[in-house]
Amino acid sequence: AVALVFVLGYLASGRARWPRLFALGGAVFAVLLVQMGLGELQYRTHLPWELVLVHVGLAAAVWGLLVAFVTVLWRPPAALAPTRT
């Protein structure tokens, strides 16, 4: 999470250059925050199975989004490539 915050900070400084990349990173961070909040709710309510299922589903979504985000950072497609200014 700390590394993601630093990457988002870097992308925020160049937000005009990478607006879609920053939006994708923000989506990853938002889903991660929801996942963390749901984990805390699970802990406080003693693991109801419905919350466990949602928590596991969100974990898969976080993993998928994070893999997509890192892939796009590594080799951005033409639609997300930095604009020339």
N, C-alpha and C. Protein backbone atom coordinates (compact mmCIF):
# COMPACT_ATOMS: atom_id res chain seq x y z
N ALA A 1 0.83 -1.19 0.00
CA ALA A 1 0.00 0.00 0.00
C ALA A 1 0.87 1.25 0.00
N VAL A 2 1.98 1.21 0.73
CA VAL A 2 2.87 2.38 0.78
C VAL A 2 3.50 2.63 -0.58
N ALA A 3 3.93 1.56 -1.26
CA ALA A 3 4.52 1.72 -2.59
C ALA A 3 3.48 2.27 -3.56
N LEU A 4 2.24 1.82 -3.44
CA LEU A 4 1.17 2.32 -4.31
C LEU A 4 0.95 3.81 -4.07
N VAL A 5 1.01 4.24 -2.83
CA VAL A 5 0.83 5.67 -2.52
C VAL A 5 1.96 6.48 -3.16
N PHE A 6 3.19 5.98 -3.10
CA PHE A 6 4.30 6.71 -3.72
C PHE A 6 4.14 6.76 -5.25
N VAL A 7 3.73 5.65 -5.86
CA VAL A 7 3.52 5.65 -7.31
C VAL A 7 2.40 6.62 -7.68
N LEU A 8 1.33 6.62 -6.89
CA LEU A 8 0.23 7.56 -7.15
C LEU A 8 0.69 9.01 -6.98
N GLY A 9 1.55 9.26 -6.01
CA GLY A 9 2.10 10.60 -5.84
C GLY A 9 2.90 11.04 -7.05
N TYR A 10 3.70 10.11 -7.58
CA TYR A 10 4.48 10.41 -8.79
C TYR A 10 3.55 10.67 -9.97
N LEU A 11 2.53 9.82 -10.12
CA LEU A 11 1.59 10.02 -11.22
C LEU A 11 0.77 11.29 -11.03
N ALA A 12 0.48 11.66 -9.79
CA ALA A 12 -0.27 12.90 -9.54
C ALA A 12 0.55 14.12 -9.93
N SER A 13 1.87 14.04 -9.74
CA SER A 13 2.70 15.18 -10.14
C SER A 13 2.72 15.35 -11.65
N GLY A 14 2.51 14.26 -12.40
CA GLY A 14 2.45 14.36 -13.85
C GLY A 14 1.06 14.04 -14.38
N ARG A 15 0.05 14.40 -13.60
CA ARG A 15 -1.34 14.07 -13.94
C ARG A 15 -1.75 14.58 -15.32
N ALA A 16 -1.24 15.71 -15.73
CA ALA A 16 -1.59 16.24 -17.06
C ALA A 16 -0.98 15.36 -18.15
N ARG A 17 0.13 14.72 -17.85
CA ARG A 17 0.80 13.87 -18.83
C ARG A 17 0.20 12.47 -18.89
N TRP A 18 -0.23 11.94 -17.73
CA TRP A 18 -0.78 10.57 -17.65
C TRP A 18 -2.14 10.56 -16.97
N PRO A 19 -3.16 11.20 -17.50
CA PRO A 19 -4.44 11.26 -16.77
C PRO A 19 -5.12 9.90 -16.62
N ARG A 20 -5.08 9.05 -17.63
CA ARG A 20 -5.75 7.76 -17.54
C ARG A 20 -4.98 6.80 -16.64
N LEU A 21 -3.68 6.89 -16.65
CA LEU A 21 -2.86 6.06 -15.77
C LEU A 21 -3.12 6.43 -14.31
N PHE A 22 -3.23 7.73 -14.06
CA PHE A 22 -3.54 8.18 -12.70
C PHE A 22 -4.93 7.70 -12.27
N ALA A 23 -5.88 7.73 -13.18
CA ALA A 23 -7.24 7.26 -12.87
C ALA A 23 -7.24 5.76 -12.57
N LEU A 24 -6.48 4.98 -13.32
CA LEU A 24 -6.38 3.55 -13.06
C LEU A 24 -5.74 3.29 -11.70
N GLY A 25 -4.71 4.02 -11.38
CA GLY A 25 -4.08 3.89 -10.06
C GLY A 25 -5.02 4.29 -8.94
N GLY A 26 -5.80 5.32 -9.17
CA GLY A 26 -6.80 5.73 -8.18
C GLY A 26 -7.86 4.67 -7.97
N ALA A 27 -8.25 3.98 -9.05
CA ALA A 27 -9.23 2.89 -8.93
C ALA A 27 -8.65 1.74 -8.13
N VAL A 28 -7.39 1.41 -8.37
CA VAL A 28 -6.73 0.34 -7.60
C VAL A 28 -6.72 0.72 -6.12
N PHE A 29 -6.36 1.96 -5.84
CA PHE A 29 -6.29 2.41 -4.45
C PHE A 29 -7.67 2.41 -3.79
N ALA A 30 -8.70 2.82 -4.52
CA ALA A 30 -10.06 2.83 -3.96
C ALA A 30 -10.53 1.42 -3.62
N VAL A 31 -10.30 0.47 -4.53
CA VAL A 31 -10.71 -0.92 -4.27
C VAL A 31 -9.92 -1.48 -3.10
N LEU A 32 -8.64 -1.12 -3.01
CA LEU A 32 -7.82 -1.58 -1.89
C LEU A 32 -8.35 -1.03 -0.56
N LEU A 33 -8.77 0.22 -0.54
CA LEU A 33 -9.33 0.80 0.69
C LEU A 33 -10.64 0.11 1.08
N VAL A 34 -11.48 -0.20 0.10
CA VAL A 34 -12.73 -0.92 0.38
C VAL A 34 -12.40 -2.30 0.94
N GLN A 35 -11.41 -2.96 0.35
CA GLN A 35 -10.99 -4.28 0.81
C GLN A 35 -10.51 -4.21 2.27
N MET A 36 -9.74 -3.21 2.60
CA MET A 36 -9.24 -3.06 3.96
C MET A 36 -10.38 -2.78 4.93
N GLY A 37 -11.31 -1.92 4.54
CA GLY A 37 -12.45 -1.62 5.40
C GLY A 37 -13.32 -2.84 5.62
N LEU A 38 -13.52 -3.62 4.59
CA LEU A 38 -14.32 -4.84 4.72
C LEU A 38 -13.61 -5.86 5.61
N GLY A 39 -12.30 -5.94 5.52
CA GLY A 39 -11.54 -6.82 6.40
C GLY A 39 -11.71 -6.43 7.86
N GLU A 40 -11.69 -5.14 8.12
CA GLU A 40 -11.90 -4.67 9.49
C GLU A 40 -13.32 -4.98 9.97
N LEU A 41 -14.29 -4.79 9.10
CA LEU A 41 -15.68 -5.12 9.45
C LEU A 41 -15.82 -6.62 9.74
N GLN A 42 -15.16 -7.43 8.93
CA GLN A 42 -15.18 -8.87 9.16
C GLN A 42 -14.63 -9.21 10.54
N TYR A 43 -13.51 -8.59 10.88
CA TYR A 43 -12.87 -8.85 12.18
C TYR A 43 -13.80 -8.49 13.33
N ARG A 44 -14.47 -7.36 13.21
CA ARG A 44 -15.32 -6.89 14.30
C ARG A 44 -16.64 -7.66 14.41
N THR A 45 -17.08 -8.30 13.32
CA THR A 45 -18.34 -9.04 13.35
C THR A 45 -18.12 -10.56 13.39
N HIS A 46 -16.91 -10.98 13.66
CA HIS A 46 -16.57 -12.40 13.86
C HIS A 46 -16.84 -13.26 12.63
N LEU A 47 -16.42 -12.80 11.47
CA LEU A 47 -16.37 -13.56 10.21
C LEU A 47 -17.70 -14.13 9.73
N PRO A 48 -18.72 -13.31 9.50
CA PRO A 48 -19.92 -13.87 8.86
C PRO A 48 -19.57 -14.31 7.43
N TRP A 49 -20.11 -15.43 7.01
CA TRP A 49 -19.68 -16.03 5.74
C TRP A 49 -19.98 -15.15 4.53
N GLU A 50 -21.03 -14.33 4.59
CA GLU A 50 -21.32 -13.45 3.47
C GLU A 50 -20.19 -12.43 3.26
N LEU A 51 -19.71 -11.89 4.38
CA LEU A 51 -18.62 -10.92 4.28
C LEU A 51 -17.33 -11.59 3.82
N VAL A 52 -17.13 -12.83 4.22
CA VAL A 52 -15.94 -13.56 3.78
C VAL A 52 -15.95 -13.71 2.27
N LEU A 53 -17.11 -14.07 1.71
CA LEU A 53 -17.22 -14.22 0.26
C LEU A 53 -16.95 -12.91 -0.47
N VAL A 54 -17.50 -11.82 0.02
CA VAL A 54 -17.27 -10.51 -0.61
C VAL A 54 -15.80 -10.11 -0.47
N HIS A 55 -15.23 -10.38 0.70
CA HIS A 55 -13.83 -10.05 0.96
C HIS A 55 -12.90 -10.80 0.01
N VAL A 56 -13.17 -12.07 -0.21
CA VAL A 56 -12.36 -12.87 -1.13
C VAL A 56 -12.55 -12.38 -2.58
N GLY A 57 -13.76 -12.03 -2.94
CA GLY A 57 -14.01 -11.48 -4.27
C GLY A 57 -13.26 -10.17 -4.48
N LEU A 58 -13.28 -9.31 -3.47
CA LEU A 58 -12.55 -8.05 -3.58
C LEU A 58 -11.04 -8.29 -3.62
N ALA A 59 -10.57 -9.30 -2.91
CA ALA A 59 -9.14 -9.62 -2.96
C ALA A 59 -8.74 -10.00 -4.38
N ALA A 60 -9.58 -10.77 -5.05
CA ALA A 60 -9.30 -11.13 -6.44
C ALA A 60 -9.33 -9.89 -7.34
N ALA A 61 -10.27 -8.99 -7.08
CA ALA A 61 -10.35 -7.75 -7.87
C ALA A 61 -9.12 -6.88 -7.64
N VAL A 62 -8.67 -6.77 -6.40
CA VAL A 62 -7.46 -5.99 -6.10
C VAL A 62 -6.26 -6.59 -6.83
N TRP A 63 -6.13 -7.91 -6.77
CA TRP A 63 -5.01 -8.56 -7.43
C TRP A 63 -5.05 -8.32 -8.94
N GLY A 64 -6.20 -8.50 -9.55
CA GLY A 64 -6.33 -8.29 -10.98
C GLY A 64 -6.05 -6.85 -11.39
N LEU A 65 -6.60 -5.91 -10.65
CA LEU A 65 -6.36 -4.49 -10.96
C LEU A 65 -4.90 -4.13 -10.77
N LEU A 66 -4.28 -4.67 -9.74
CA LEU A 66 -2.88 -4.36 -9.49
C LEU A 66 -1.98 -4.93 -10.59
N VAL A 67 -2.28 -6.13 -11.04
CA VAL A 67 -1.51 -6.72 -12.15
C VAL A 67 -1.70 -5.88 -13.41
N ALA A 68 -2.92 -5.46 -13.69
CA ALA A 68 -3.18 -4.62 -14.86
C ALA A 68 -2.45 -3.29 -14.75
N PHE A 69 -2.47 -2.70 -13.56
CA PHE A 69 -1.82 -1.41 -13.34
C PHE A 69 -0.31 -1.50 -13.54
N VAL A 70 0.30 -2.53 -12.98
CA VAL A 70 1.74 -2.69 -13.13
C VAL A 70 2.10 -2.98 -14.59
N THR A 71 1.27 -3.77 -15.27
CA THR A 71 1.52 -4.06 -16.68
C THR A 71 1.45 -2.78 -17.51
N VAL A 72 0.47 -1.95 -17.23
CA VAL A 72 0.32 -0.68 -17.97
C VAL A 72 1.46 0.28 -17.63
N LEU A 73 1.93 0.26 -16.38
CA LEU A 73 3.08 1.08 -16.03
C LEU A 73 4.33 0.61 -16.76
N TRP A 74 4.48 -0.71 -16.87
CA TRP A 74 5.67 -1.28 -17.49
C TRP A 74 5.69 -1.02 -18.99
N ARG A 75 4.58 -1.31 -19.66
CA ARG A 75 4.48 -1.10 -21.10
C ARG A 75 3.12 -0.49 -21.43
N PRO A 76 3.02 0.83 -21.38
CA PRO A 76 1.72 1.46 -21.62
C PRO A 76 1.25 1.28 -23.07
N PRO A 77 -0.02 0.93 -23.23
CA PRO A 77 -0.57 0.89 -24.60
C PRO A 77 -0.67 2.31 -25.16
N ALA A 78 -0.88 2.41 -26.44
CA ALA A 78 -0.90 3.72 -27.10
C ALA A 78 -1.92 4.67 -26.47
N ALA A 79 -3.08 4.15 -26.04
CA ALA A 79 -4.12 5.01 -25.46
C ALA A 79 -3.69 5.60 -24.12
N LEU A 80 -2.79 4.91 -23.41
CA LEU A 80 -2.36 5.39 -22.09
C LEU A 80 -0.94 5.93 -22.10
N ALA A 81 -0.29 5.94 -23.23
CA ALA A 81 1.09 6.42 -23.31
C ALA A 81 1.15 7.90 -22.97
N PRO A 82 2.29 8.33 -22.44
CA PRO A 82 2.40 9.76 -22.12
C PRO A 82 2.21 10.63 -23.35
N THR A 83 1.50 11.73 -23.16
CA THR A 83 1.29 12.66 -24.26
C THR A 83 2.54 13.50 -24.47
N ARG A 84 2.75 13.90 -25.67
CA ARG A 84 3.93 14.73 -25.98
C ARG A 84 3.56 16.20 -25.79
N THR A 85 4.29 16.87 -24.90
CA THR A 85 4.02 18.29 -24.67
C THR A 85 5.25 19.11 -24.92
